[in-house]
C-alpha atoms as a PDB file:
ATOM      1  CA  MET A   1      30.071  -3.264 -17.368  1.00  0.00           C
ATOM      2  CA  LEU A   2      27.911  -1.279 -14.993  1.00  0.00           C
ATOM      3  CA  GLU A   3      28.327   1.738 -12.788  1.00  0.00           C
ATOM      4  CA  PHE A   4      26.706   1.628  -9.352  1.00  0.00           C
ATOM      5  CA  VAL A   5      25.322   4.590  -7.386  1.00  0.00           C
ATOM      6  CA  THR A   6      24.532   4.838  -3.675  1.00  0.00           C
ATOM      7  CA  VAL A   7      23.424   7.940  -1.740  1.00  0.00           C
ATOM      8  CA  PHE A   8      24.116   7.956   2.010  1.00  0.00           C
ATOM      9  CA  PHE A   9      24.051  10.044   5.181  1.00  0.00           C
ATOM     10  CA  SER A  10      26.626   9.800   7.975  1.00  0.00           C
ATOM     11  CA  ASP A  11      24.137   7.784  10.032  1.00  0.00           C
ATOM     12  CA  ASP A  12      24.153   5.213   7.236  1.00  0.00           C
ATOM     13  CA  ARG A  13      27.891   4.552   7.482  1.00  0.00           C
ATOM     14  CA  ILE A  14      27.493   1.209   9.226  1.00  0.00           C
ATOM     15  CA  LEU A  15      25.035   0.096   6.529  1.00  0.00           C
ATOM     16  CA  MET A  16      27.474   1.315   3.886  1.00  0.00           C
ATOM     17  CA  LYS A  17      30.098  -0.852   5.551  1.00  0.00           C
ATOM     18  CA  LEU A  18      27.798  -3.849   5.097  1.00  0.00           C
ATOM     19  CA  GLN A  19      27.091  -2.904   1.485  1.00  0.00           C
ATOM     20  CA  ALA A  20      30.787  -2.450   0.723  1.00  0.00           C
ATOM     21  CA  ARG A  21      31.578  -5.808   2.292  1.00  0.00           C
ATOM     22  CA  SER A  22      28.885  -7.414   0.157  1.00  0.00           C
ATOM     23  CA  PHE A  23      30.458  -5.949  -2.980  1.00  0.00           C
ATOM     24  CA  ARG A  24      33.782  -7.488  -1.990  1.00  0.00           C
ATOM     25  CA  LEU A  25      32.282 -10.876  -1.248  1.00  0.00           C
ATOM     26  CA  PHE A  26      29.623 -11.299  -3.893  1.00  0.00           C
ATOM     27  CA  VAL A  27      29.808  -8.926  -6.874  1.00  0.00           C
ATOM     28  CA  ALA A  28      31.857 -10.190  -9.813  1.00  0.00           C
ATOM     29  CA  PRO A  29      34.624  -7.601 -10.393  1.00  0.00           C
ATOM     30  CA  GLU A  30      34.220  -7.805 -14.159  1.00  0.00           C
ATOM     31  CA  VAL A  31      30.696  -6.389 -13.817  1.00  0.00           C
ATOM     32  CA  VAL A  32      31.803  -3.233 -11.974  1.00  0.00           C
ATOM     33  CA  SER A  33      33.128  -0.203 -13.812  1.00  0.00           C
ATOM     34  CA  VAL A  34      32.664   2.506 -11.162  1.00  0.00           C
ATOM     35  CA  ILE A  35      30.986   2.705  -7.753  1.00  0.00           C
ATOM     36  CA  HIS A  36      29.662   6.230  -7.185  1.00  0.00           C
ATOM     37  CA  VAL A  37      29.110   7.085  -3.522  1.00  0.00           C
ATOM     38  CA  ILE A  38      27.198  10.342  -2.968  1.00  0.00           C
ATOM     39  CA  ASN A  39      27.127  11.913   0.482  1.00  0.00           C
ATOM     40  CA  ASN A  40      23.915  13.730   1.392  1.00  0.00           C
ATOM     41  CA  ASP A  41      25.154  15.452   4.573  1.00  0.00           C
ATOM     42  CA  GLU A  42      25.068  19.226   4.453  1.00  0.00           C
ATOM     43  CA  GLU A  43      28.818  19.264   5.082  1.00  0.00           C
ATOM     44  CA  SER A  44      30.491  16.372   3.288  1.00  0.00           C
ATOM     45  CA  GLY A  45      34.055  16.854   4.517  1.00  0.00           C
ATOM     46  CA  PRO A  46      33.692  14.966   7.824  1.00  0.00           C
ATOM     47  CA  ALA A  47      31.541  12.319   6.138  1.00  0.00           C
ATOM     48  CA  ARG A  48      34.194  11.738   3.512  1.00  0.00           C
ATOM     49  CA  ARG A  49      36.954  11.320   6.096  1.00  0.00           C
ATOM     50  CA  ALA A  50      34.851   8.875   8.089  1.00  0.00           C
ATOM     51  CA  PHE A  51      33.885   6.949   4.945  1.00  0.00           C
ATOM     52  CA  GLU A  52      37.502   6.618   3.858  1.00  0.00           C
ATOM     53  CA  ALA A  53      38.574   5.514   7.330  1.00  0.00           C
ATOM     54  CA  GLU A  54      35.739   3.109   8.141  1.00  0.00           C
ATOM     55  CA  VAL A  55      34.134   1.934   4.904  1.00  0.00           C
ATOM     56  CA  LEU A  56      36.394   2.178   1.874  1.00  0.00           C
ATOM     57  CA  HIS A  57      38.647  -0.759   2.757  1.00  0.00           C
ATOM     58  CA  GLU A  58      35.589  -3.031   3.003  1.00  0.00           C
ATOM     59  CA  TYR A  59      35.282  -2.945  -0.800  1.00  0.00           C
ATOM     60  CA  GLY A  60      38.530  -4.913  -1.045  1.00  0.00           C
ATOM     61  CA  GLY A  61      39.915  -4.848  -4.582  1.00  0.00           C
ATOM     62  CA  LEU A  62      36.930  -2.787  -5.739  1.00  0.00           C
ATOM     63  CA  ALA A  63      37.993   0.143  -3.542  1.00  0.00           C
ATOM     64  CA  THR A  64      39.971   1.584  -6.448  1.00  0.00           C
ATOM     65  CA  LYS A  65      36.704   1.884  -8.392  1.00  0.00           C
ATOM     66  CA  VAL A  66      34.930   3.934  -5.704  1.00  0.00           C
ATOM     67  CA  VAL A  67      34.363   7.634  -6.458  1.00  0.00           C
ATOM     68  CA  PHE A  68      33.116   9.846  -3.615  1.00  0.00           C
ATOM     69  CA  HIS A  69      30.853  12.780  -4.500  1.00  0.00           C
ATOM     70  CA  PRO A  70      29.637  15.505  -2.138  1.00  0.00           C
ATOM     71  CA  TRP A  71      25.997  16.279  -2.888  1.00  0.00           C
ATOM     72  CA  ASP A  72      26.816  19.738  -4.290  1.00  0.00           C
ATOM     73  CA  ALA A  73      29.000  18.194  -6.987  1.00  0.00           C
ATOM     74  CA  VAL A  74      25.856  16.542  -8.371  1.00  0.00           C
ATOM     75  CA  ILE A  75      23.078  19.136  -7.876  1.00  0.00           C
ATOM     76  CA  SER A  76      23.184  22.903  -7.334  1.00  0.00           C
ATOM     77  CA  SER A  77      21.006  23.220  -4.225  1.00  0.00           C
ATOM     78  CA  LYS A  78      18.832  21.227  -1.820  1.00  0.00           C
ATOM     79  CA  PHE A  79      16.161  23.946  -1.738  1.00  0.00           C
ATOM     80  CA  LYS A  80      15.533  23.111   1.948  1.00  0.00           C
ATOM     81  CA  ALA A  81      14.029  19.754   0.974  1.00  0.00           C
ATOM     82  CA  THR A  82      14.137  16.627   3.141  1.00  0.00           C
ATOM     83  CA  GLY A  83      16.910  14.100   2.683  1.00  0.00           C
ATOM     84  CA  TRP A  84      14.523  11.604   1.109  1.00  0.00           C
ATOM     85  CA  ARG A  85      13.588  14.139  -1.551  1.00  0.00           C
ATOM     86  CA  VAL A  86      17.174  15.267  -2.158  1.00  0.00           C
ATOM     87  CA  GLN A  87      18.456  11.752  -2.738  1.00  0.00           C
ATOM     88  CA  GLN A  88      15.943  11.341  -5.556  1.00  0.00           C
ATOM     89  CA  ALA A  89      17.397  14.298  -7.429  1.00  0.00           C
ATOM     90  CA  LEU A  90      20.909  12.988  -6.774  1.00  0.00           C
ATOM     91  CA  LYS A  91      20.088   9.603  -8.291  1.00  0.00           C
ATOM     92  CA  LEU A  92      19.170  11.302 -11.554  1.00  0.00           C
ATOM     93  CA  GLY A  93      21.766  14.063 -11.466  1.00  0.00           C
ATOM     94  CA  ILE A  94      24.658  11.601 -11.169  1.00  0.00           C
ATOM     95  CA  SER A  95      23.948  10.537 -14.763  1.00  0.00           C
ATOM     96  CA  LYS A  96      26.226  13.356 -15.966  1.00  0.00           C
ATOM     97  CA  TYR A  97      29.193  11.426 -14.541  1.00  0.00           C
ATOM     98  CA  VAL A  98      28.145   7.969 -15.761  1.00  0.00           C
ATOM     99  CA  GLU A  99      29.948   6.565 -18.805  1.00  0.00           C
ATOM    100  CA  THR A 100      28.295   3.156 -19.076  1.00  0.00           C
ATOM    101  CA  ARG A 101      25.051   2.526 -20.965  1.00  0.00           C
ATOM    102  CA  TYR A 102      23.253   1.552 -17.756  1.00  0.00           C
ATOM    103  CA  TYR A 103      23.761   2.303 -14.090  1.00  0.00           C
ATOM    104  CA  VAL A 104      22.431   0.570 -10.992  1.00  0.00           C
ATOM    105  CA  VAL A 105      20.936   2.695  -8.217  1.00  0.00           C
ATOM    106  CA  LEU A 106      21.151   1.353  -4.671  1.00  0.00           C
ATOM    107  CA  ASP A 107      20.224   2.696  -1.264  1.00  0.00           C
ATOM    108  CA  ALA A 108      22.521   2.442   1.730  1.00  0.00           C
ATOM    109  CA  LYS A 109      20.194  -0.218   3.152  1.00  0.00           C
ATOM    110  CA  ASN A 110      20.861  -2.601   0.227  1.00  0.00           C
ATOM    111  CA  HIS A 111      23.482  -5.339   0.413  1.00  0.00           C
ATOM    112  CA  TYR A 112      24.084  -8.527  -1.534  1.00  0.00           C
ATOM    113  CA  ILE A 113      23.825 -11.861   0.268  1.00  0.00           C
ATOM    114  CA  ARG A 114      24.841 -14.224  -2.548  1.00  0.00           C
ATOM    115  CA  ASP A 115      27.098 -14.200  -5.596  1.00  0.00           C
ATOM    116  CA  VAL A 116      25.954 -11.950  -8.411  1.00  0.00           C
ATOM    117  CA  GLY A 117      27.364 -11.736 -11.902  1.00  0.00           C
ATOM    118  CA  ARG A 118      26.341 -10.471 -15.291  1.00  0.00           C
ATOM    119  CA  GLY A 119      23.417 -12.889 -15.429  1.00  0.00           C
ATOM    120  CA  ASP A 120      21.854 -11.207 -12.411  1.00  0.00           C
ATOM    121  CA  PHE A 121      21.768  -7.852 -14.202  1.00  0.00           C
ATOM    122  CA  PHE A 122      21.195  -8.834 -17.834  1.00  0.00           C
ATOM    123  CA  SER A 123      19.066 -11.520 -19.446  1.00  0.00           C
ATOM    124  CA  ALA A 124      20.653 -14.582 -21.003  1.00  0.00           C
ATOM    125  CA  ASP A 125      18.782 -13.888 -24.238  1.00  0.00           C
ATOM    126  CA  ASP A 126      20.637 -12.700 -27.311  1.00  0.00           C
ATOM    127  CA  ASP A 127      19.396  -9.144 -26.705  1.00  0.00           C
ATOM    128  CA  GLN A 128      20.957  -9.027 -23.194  1.00  0.00           C
ATOM    129  CA  LYS A 129      18.284  -6.755 -21.705  1.00  0.00           C
ATOM    130  CA  PRO A 130      18.730  -5.414 -18.176  1.00  0.00           C
ATOM    131  CA  ILE A 131      16.609  -7.299 -15.650  1.00  0.00           C
ATOM    132  CA  MET A 132      13.789  -5.555 -13.800  1.00  0.00           C
ATOM    133  CA  PHE A 133      10.544  -6.520 -12.091  1.00  0.00           C
ATOM    134  CA  ARG A 134       6.979  -5.253 -12.016  1.00  0.00           C
ATOM    135  CA  GLY A 135       4.941  -4.123  -9.042  1.00  0.00           C
ATOM    136  CA  SER A 136       2.142  -1.900  -7.856  1.00  0.00           C
ATOM    137  CA  PRO A 137       3.032   1.115  -5.667  1.00  0.00           C
ATOM    138  CA  LYS A 138       1.757   0.861  -2.115  1.00  0.00           C
ATOM    139  CA  GLY A 139       0.523   3.430   0.386  1.00  0.00           C
ATOM    140  CA  ASN A 140       1.375   7.060  -0.290  1.00  0.00           C
ATOM    141  CA  LEU A 141       3.511   6.005  -3.253  1.00  0.00           C
ATOM    142  CA  ARG A 142       0.282   5.592  -5.205  1.00  0.00           C
ATOM    143  CA  GLU A 143      -0.376   9.310  -4.917  1.00  0.00           C
ATOM    144  CA  TYR A 144       3.186  10.096  -6.020  1.00  0.00           C
ATOM    145  CA  PHE A 145       2.697   7.798  -8.984  1.00  0.00           C
ATOM    146  CA  LYS A 146      -0.512   9.516 -10.009  1.00  0.00           C
ATOM    147  CA  ARG A 147       0.900  13.015  -9.615  1.00  0.00           C
ATOM    148  CA  THR A 148       4.081  12.125 -11.510  1.00  0.00           C
ATOM    149  CA  PHE A 149       2.190  10.581 -14.410  1.00  0.00           C
ATOM    150  CA  GLU A 150      -0.187  13.540 -14.566  1.00  0.00           C
ATOM    151  CA  TYR A 151       2.847  15.845 -14.741  1.00  0.00           C
ATOM    152  CA  LEU A 152       4.053  13.834 -17.743  1.00  0.00           C
ATOM    153  CA  GLU A 153       0.560  13.812 -19.270  1.00  0.00           C
ATOM    154  CA  GLN A 154       0.243  10.041 -18.949  1.00  0.00           C
ATOM    155  CA  ASP A 155      -2.773   8.119 -17.667  1.00  0.00           C
ATOM    156  CA  PRO A 156      -1.794   6.758 -14.227  1.00  0.00           C
ATOM    157  CA  ASP A 157      -4.758   4.380 -13.991  1.00  0.00           C
ATOM    158  CA  ARG A 158      -3.590   2.569 -17.104  1.00  0.00           C
ATOM    159  CA  TYR A 159      -0.222   1.630 -15.592  1.00  0.00           C
ATOM    160  CA  ILE A 160      -0.428   1.774 -11.797  1.00  0.00           C
ATOM    161  CA  GLU A 161      -1.316  -1.878 -11.184  1.00  0.00           C
ATOM    162  CA  ASN A 162       1.584  -3.218 -13.240  1.00  0.00           C
ATOM    163  CA  ALA A 163       4.174  -0.488 -12.902  1.00  0.00           C
ATOM    164  CA  MET A 164       7.937  -0.440 -12.847  1.00  0.00           C
ATOM    165  CA  PRO A 165       9.225  -0.317  -9.275  1.00  0.00           C
ATOM    166  CA  ALA A 166       9.708   2.653  -6.959  1.00  0.00           C
ATOM    167  CA  THR A 167      12.514   1.042  -5.012  1.00  0.00           C
ATOM    168  CA  THR A 168      16.142   0.024  -5.352  1.00  0.00           C
ATOM    169  CA  PRO A 169      17.936  -1.777  -6.842  1.00  0.00           C
ATOM    170  CA  TYR A 170      16.953  -0.075 -10.069  1.00  0.00           C
ATOM    171  CA  ILE A 171      18.781  -0.246 -13.396  1.00  0.00           C
ATOM    172  CA  LEU A 172      18.522   3.047 -15.248  1.00  0.00           C
ATOM    173  CA  MET A 173      19.376   3.620 -18.885  1.00  0.00           C
ATOM    174  CA  THR A 174      21.824   6.525 -18.812  1.00  0.00           C
ATOM    175  CA  ASN A 175      20.794   8.295 -21.999  1.00  0.00           C
ATOM    176  CA  ILE A 176      17.102   8.101 -21.041  1.00  0.00           C
ATOM    177  CA  VAL A 177      17.854   9.764 -17.709  1.00  0.00           C
ATOM    178  CA  ARG A 178      19.733  12.527 -19.503  1.00  0.00           C
ATOM    179  CA  GLN A 179      16.876  12.996 -21.948  1.00  0.00           C
ATOM    180  CA  LEU A 180      14.432  13.159 -19.025  1.00  0.00           C
ATOM    181  CA  ILE A 181      16.517  15.861 -17.350  1.00  0.00           C
ATOM    182  CA  GLU A 182      16.733  17.823 -20.595  1.00  0.00           C
ATOM    183  CA  TYR A 183      12.968  17.547 -21.093  1.00  0.00           C
ATOM    184  CA  VAL A 184      12.141  18.767 -17.580  1.00  0.00           C
ATOM    185  CA  GLU A 185      14.677  21.589 -17.647  1.00  0.00           C
ATOM    186  CA  ASP A 186      13.585  22.816 -21.081  1.00  0.00           C
ATOM    187  CA  ARG A 187       9.957  22.702 -19.982  1.00  0.00           C
ATOM    188  CA  GLU A 188      10.473  24.465 -16.633  1.00  0.00           C
ATOM    189  CA  GLY A 189      13.401  26.746 -17.435  1.00  0.00           C
ATOM    190  CA  VAL A 190      15.270  25.675 -14.274  1.00  0.00           C
ATOM    191  CA  GLY A 191      17.377  22.738 -13.152  1.00  0.00           C
ATOM    192  CA  ILE A 192      15.662  19.425 -12.459  1.00  0.00           C
ATOM    193  CA  GLU A 193      16.645  19.640  -8.786  1.00  0.00           C
ATOM    194  CA  GLU A 194      14.657  22.866  -8.405  1.00  0.00           C
ATOM    195  CA  VAL A 195      11.660  21.221 -10.062  1.00  0.00           C
ATOM    196  CA  MET A 196      11.801  18.124  -7.853  1.00  0.00           C
ATOM    197  CA  LEU A 197      12.764  19.823  -4.590  1.00  0.00           C
ATOM    198  CA  SER A 198      10.926  23.126  -4.763  1.00  0.00           C
ATOM    199  CA  ARG A 199       8.426  23.569  -7.570  1.00  0.00           C
ATOM    200  CA  ASN A 200       6.853  20.113  -7.704  1.00  0.00           C
ATOM    201  CA  ARG A 201       7.398  17.887  -4.690  1.00  0.00           C
ATOM    202  CA  HIS A 202       4.875  15.323  -5.866  1.00  0.00           C
ATOM    203  CA  VAL A 203       7.118  13.712  -8.480  1.00  0.00           C
ATOM    204  CA  THR A 204       9.638  10.983  -7.719  1.00  0.00           C
ATOM    205  CA  GLU A 205      12.729   9.901  -9.589  1.00  0.00           C
ATOM    206  CA  PHE A 206      11.776   6.371 -10.642  1.00  0.00           C
ATOM    207  CA  PHE A 207       8.202   7.270 -11.547  1.00  0.00           C
ATOM    208  CA  LEU A 208       9.547  10.173 -13.609  1.00  0.00           C
ATOM    209  CA  TYR A 209      11.835   7.765 -15.424  1.00  0.00           C
ATOM    210  CA  TYR A 210       9.065   5.228 -16.062  1.00  0.00           C
ATOM    211  CA  GLY A 211       6.561   7.866 -17.159  1.00  0.00           C
ATOM    212  CA  PHE A 212       9.120   9.490 -19.428  1.00  0.00           C
ATOM    213  CA  LEU A 213       9.788   6.153 -21.130  1.00  0.00           C
ATOM    214  CA  LEU A 214       6.102   5.934 -21.953  1.00  0.00           C
ATOM    215  CA  ARG A 215       5.820   9.589 -22.954  1.00  0.00           C
ATOM    216  CA  SER A 216       8.719   9.058 -25.356  1.00  0.00           C
ATOM    217  CA  GLY A 217       6.837   6.237 -27.065  1.00  0.00           C
ATOM    218  CA  LEU A 218       9.161   3.581 -25.696  1.00  0.00           C
ATOM    219  CA  VAL A 219       7.912   0.164 -24.668  1.00  0.00           C
ATOM    220  CA  PRO A 220       9.522  -0.964 -21.392  1.00  0.00           C
ATOM    221  CA  GLU A 221       9.514  -4.609 -22.566  1.00  0.00           C
ATOM    222  CA  ASP A 222      11.689  -3.548 -25.519  1.00  0.00           C
ATOM    223  CA  ILE A 223      14.312  -2.268 -23.072  1.00  0.00           C
ATOM    224  CA  TYR A 224      13.974  -4.530 -20.023  1.00  0.00           C
ATOM    225  CA  LYS A 225      13.551  -8.216 -19.283  1.00  0.00           C
ATOM    226  CA  PHE A 226      10.905  -8.400 -16.558  1.00  0.00           C
ATOM    227  CA  THR A 227      11.285 -11.260 -14.073  1.00  0.00           C
ATOM    228  CA  LYS A 228      10.265 -12.041 -10.514  1.00  0.00           C
ATOM    229  CA  LYS A 229      11.758  -9.891  -7.794  1.00  0.00           C
ATOM    230  CA  ARG A 230      15.083 -11.234  -6.534  1.00  0.00           C
ATOM    231  CA  GLY A 231      15.490  -9.242  -3.349  1.00  0.00           C
ATOM    232  CA  VAL A 232      13.838  -8.567   0.000  1.00  0.00           C
ATOM    233  CA  THR A 233      13.505  -5.048   1.400  1.00  0.00           C
ATOM    234  CA  LEU A 234      12.199  -4.105   4.833  1.00  0.00           C
ATOM    235  CA  PHE A 235      11.049  -0.509   4.969  1.00  0.00           C
ATOM    236  CA  THR A 236      10.181   1.485   8.091  1.00  0.00           C
ATOM    237  CA  ARG A 237       6.563   0.331   8.094  1.00  0.00           C
ATOM    238  CA  TRP A 238       6.308  -2.149   5.233  1.00  0.00           C
ATOM    239  CA  PRO A 239       5.588  -5.036   5.248  1.00  0.00           C
ATOM    240  CA  GLU A 240       2.885  -3.889   7.659  1.00  0.00           C
ATOM    241  CA  ARG A 241       1.518  -7.199   8.944  1.00  0.00           C
ATOM    242  CA  GLU A 242       3.663  -9.502  11.045  1.00  0.00           C
ATOM    243  CA  GLU A 243       2.833 -12.505   8.884  1.00  0.00           C
ATOM    244  CA  ASP A 244       3.970 -10.602   5.770  1.00  0.00           C
ATOM    245  CA  LEU A 245       7.199  -9.602   7.480  1.00  0.00           C
ATOM    246  CA  ASP A 246       7.867 -13.197   8.519  1.00  0.00           C
ATOM    247  CA  ARG A 247       7.128 -14.361   4.988  1.00  0.00           C
ATOM    248  CA  ALA A 248       9.543 -11.793   3.540  1.00  0.00           C
ATOM    249  CA  LEU A 249      12.306 -12.831   5.931  1.00  0.00           C
ATOM    250  CA  GLY A 250      11.694 -16.448   4.996  1.00  0.00           C
ATOM    251  CA  LEU A 251      12.500 -15.647   1.368  1.00  0.00           C
ATOM    252  CA  LEU A 252      16.090 -14.844   2.340  1.00  0.00           C
ATOM    253  CA  ALA A 253      16.795 -18.566   2.555  1.00  0.00           C
ATOM    254  CA  ARG A 254      15.909 -19.097  -1.094  1.00  0.00           C
ATOM    255  CA  PRO A 255      18.933 -19.140  -3.434  1.00  0.00           C
ATOM    256  CA  GLU A 256      17.357 -16.913  -6.080  1.00  0.00           C
ATOM    257  CA  TYR A 257      17.141 -14.014  -3.612  1.00  0.00           C
ATOM    258  CA  LYS A 258      20.435 -12.185  -3.938  1.00  0.00           C
ATOM    259  CA  MET A 259      19.855  -8.878  -2.144  1.00  0.00           C
ATOM    260  CA  PHE A 260      18.554  -7.746   1.220  1.00  0.00           C
ATOM    261  CA  GLY A 261      17.514  -4.224   2.211  1.00  0.00           C
ATOM    262  CA  LEU A 262      17.100  -3.221   5.860  1.00  0.00           C
ATOM    263  CA  HIS A 263      15.951   0.304   6.681  1.00  0.00           C
ATOM    264  CA  ARG A 264      17.588   1.526   9.873  1.00  0.00           C
ATOM    265  CA  ASN A 265      14.223   2.625  11.292  1.00  0.00           C
ATOM    266  CA  ARG A 266      12.771  -0.885  10.976  1.00  0.00           C
ATOM    267  CA  VAL A 267      15.080  -2.654  13.412  1.00  0.00           C
ATOM    268  CA  ALA A 268      13.400  -1.323  16.574  1.00  0.00           C
ATOM    269  CA  ARG A 269      10.017  -2.520  15.289  1.00  0.00           C
ATOM    270  CA  MET A 270      11.080  -6.145  14.920  1.00  0.00           C
ATOM    271  CA  THR A 271      10.836  -9.070  17.312  1.00  0.00           C
ATOM    272  CA  GLY A 272      13.861 -10.876  18.668  1.00  0.00           C
ATOM    273  CA  GLN A 273      13.074 -13.871  16.479  1.00  0.00           C
ATOM    274  CA  GLN A 274      12.898 -11.662  13.383  1.00  0.00           C
ATOM    275  CA  ARG A 275      16.228 -10.068  14.233  1.00  0.00           C
ATOM    276  CA  GLN A 276      17.724 -13.511  14.708  1.00  0.00           C
ATOM    277  CA  LEU A 277      16.659 -14.496  11.186  1.00  0.00           C
ATOM    278  CA  ILE A 278      18.618 -11.507   9.891  1.00  0.00           C
ATOM    279  CA  VAL A 279      21.633 -12.404  12.025  1.00  0.00           C
ATOM    280  CA  ASP A 280      21.526 -15.985  10.739  1.00  0.00           C
ATOM    281  CA  THR A 281      21.322 -14.696   7.160  1.00  0.00           C
ATOM    282  CA  TRP A 282      24.366 -12.474   7.629  1.00  0.00           C
ATOM    283  CA  ILE A 283      26.394 -15.193   9.329  1.00  0.00           C
ATOM    284  CA  GLY A 284      25.418 -17.739   6.689  1.00  0.00           C
ATOM    285  CA  ALA A 285      26.468 -15.360   3.942  1.00  0.00           C
ATOM    286  CA  GLY A 286      29.784 -14.627   5.627  1.00  0.00           C
ATOM    287  CA  LEU A 287      28.970 -10.933   5.989  1.00  0.00           C
ATOM    288  CA  VAL A 288      29.585 -11.105   9.748  1.00  0.00           C
ATOM    289  CA  ALA A 289      31.595 -13.507  11.840  1.00  0.00           C
ATOM    290  CA  ASP A 290      29.139 -14.033  14.673  1.00  0.00           C
ATOM    291  CA  GLY A 291      26.175 -12.677  16.577  1.00  0.00           C
ATOM    292  CA  ASP A 292      28.248 -10.056  18.379  1.00  0.00           C
ATOM    293  CA  GLU A 293      29.389  -8.500  15.126  1.00  0.00           C
ATOM    294  CA  ALA A 294      25.863  -8.720  13.701  1.00  0.00           C
ATOM    295  CA  ALA A 295      24.571  -6.854  16.757  1.00  0.00           C
ATOM    296  CA  GLU A 296      26.720  -3.877  15.796  1.00  0.00           C
ATOM    297  CA  PHE A 297      24.846  -3.624  12.492  1.00  0.00           C
ATOM    298  CA  LEU A 298      21.498  -3.941  14.230  1.00  0.00           C
ATOM    299  CA  ARG A 299      22.205  -1.107  16.690  1.00  0.00           C
ATOM    300  CA  LEU A 300      21.433   1.510  14.064  1.00  0.00           C
ATOM    301  CA  PRO A 301      20.588   5.155  14.816  1.00  0.00           C
ATOM    302  CA  GLU A 302      17.065   6.097  13.838  1.00  0.00           C
ATOM    303  CA  ALA A 303      16.424   8.972  11.471  1.00  0.00           C
ATOM    304  CA  ASP A 304      15.123  12.199  12.952  1.00  0.00           C
END
């Protein structure tokens, strides 16, 4: 079984509703041990009440497996860092609560669009390795990759063109995350959140994890089964070119693509035809009843 982790802000509640609904509709219950939901608002009390009133029931029978965490139950301080930075520390810090061998990290923007079971997380081989994909970091992520690998005394140029991903969904090995935290904290003499959010803001959670695997002498292929990507994610500005965006949206019709990620800041930058492709995907998957309900999910508040 797997534990799942999602970090969200109050403005993400409507996306969390879509994610929760997708768990109910598409995720095999026997795969799910716990669903950790971490709120990143400064004050988590109102966010928790709203989540329980508006989102929790959307998980259906899986609602009993949902555990809500305020951010300060996972890390000691935000050190005045941005929300994007804080969520990275939360995705690692939650490992202290995880009891399964692996856990799956999601963002609020992620939701499943087709049935997923054990075979979508673990290979069918006898070794049952967790499934991941390869990729090369784009844009400013390349600089984060280089700085993270230099921090871990690894050669970034050797790995950057065929790296492990920087995006969700991401399957982390729990004991490796804990070893990474122990390594960083022993080295720096402070908690990992202070390192990531105050002392060294050029490292990121998934690049730390990947670099630490290599630093520890581990071969990623011995741990993971690398396959083609099985999801589509639309970030605020990526894909950059219209033809690439249209191509990405077209992949949603292919049965092997099981997950869709829609950043709330991307919606306003899309054409009506592109939005309609998303609406059709949601209706076809049974995530929404009609265009009117889909429109509620597309009227998302933009981040500050």
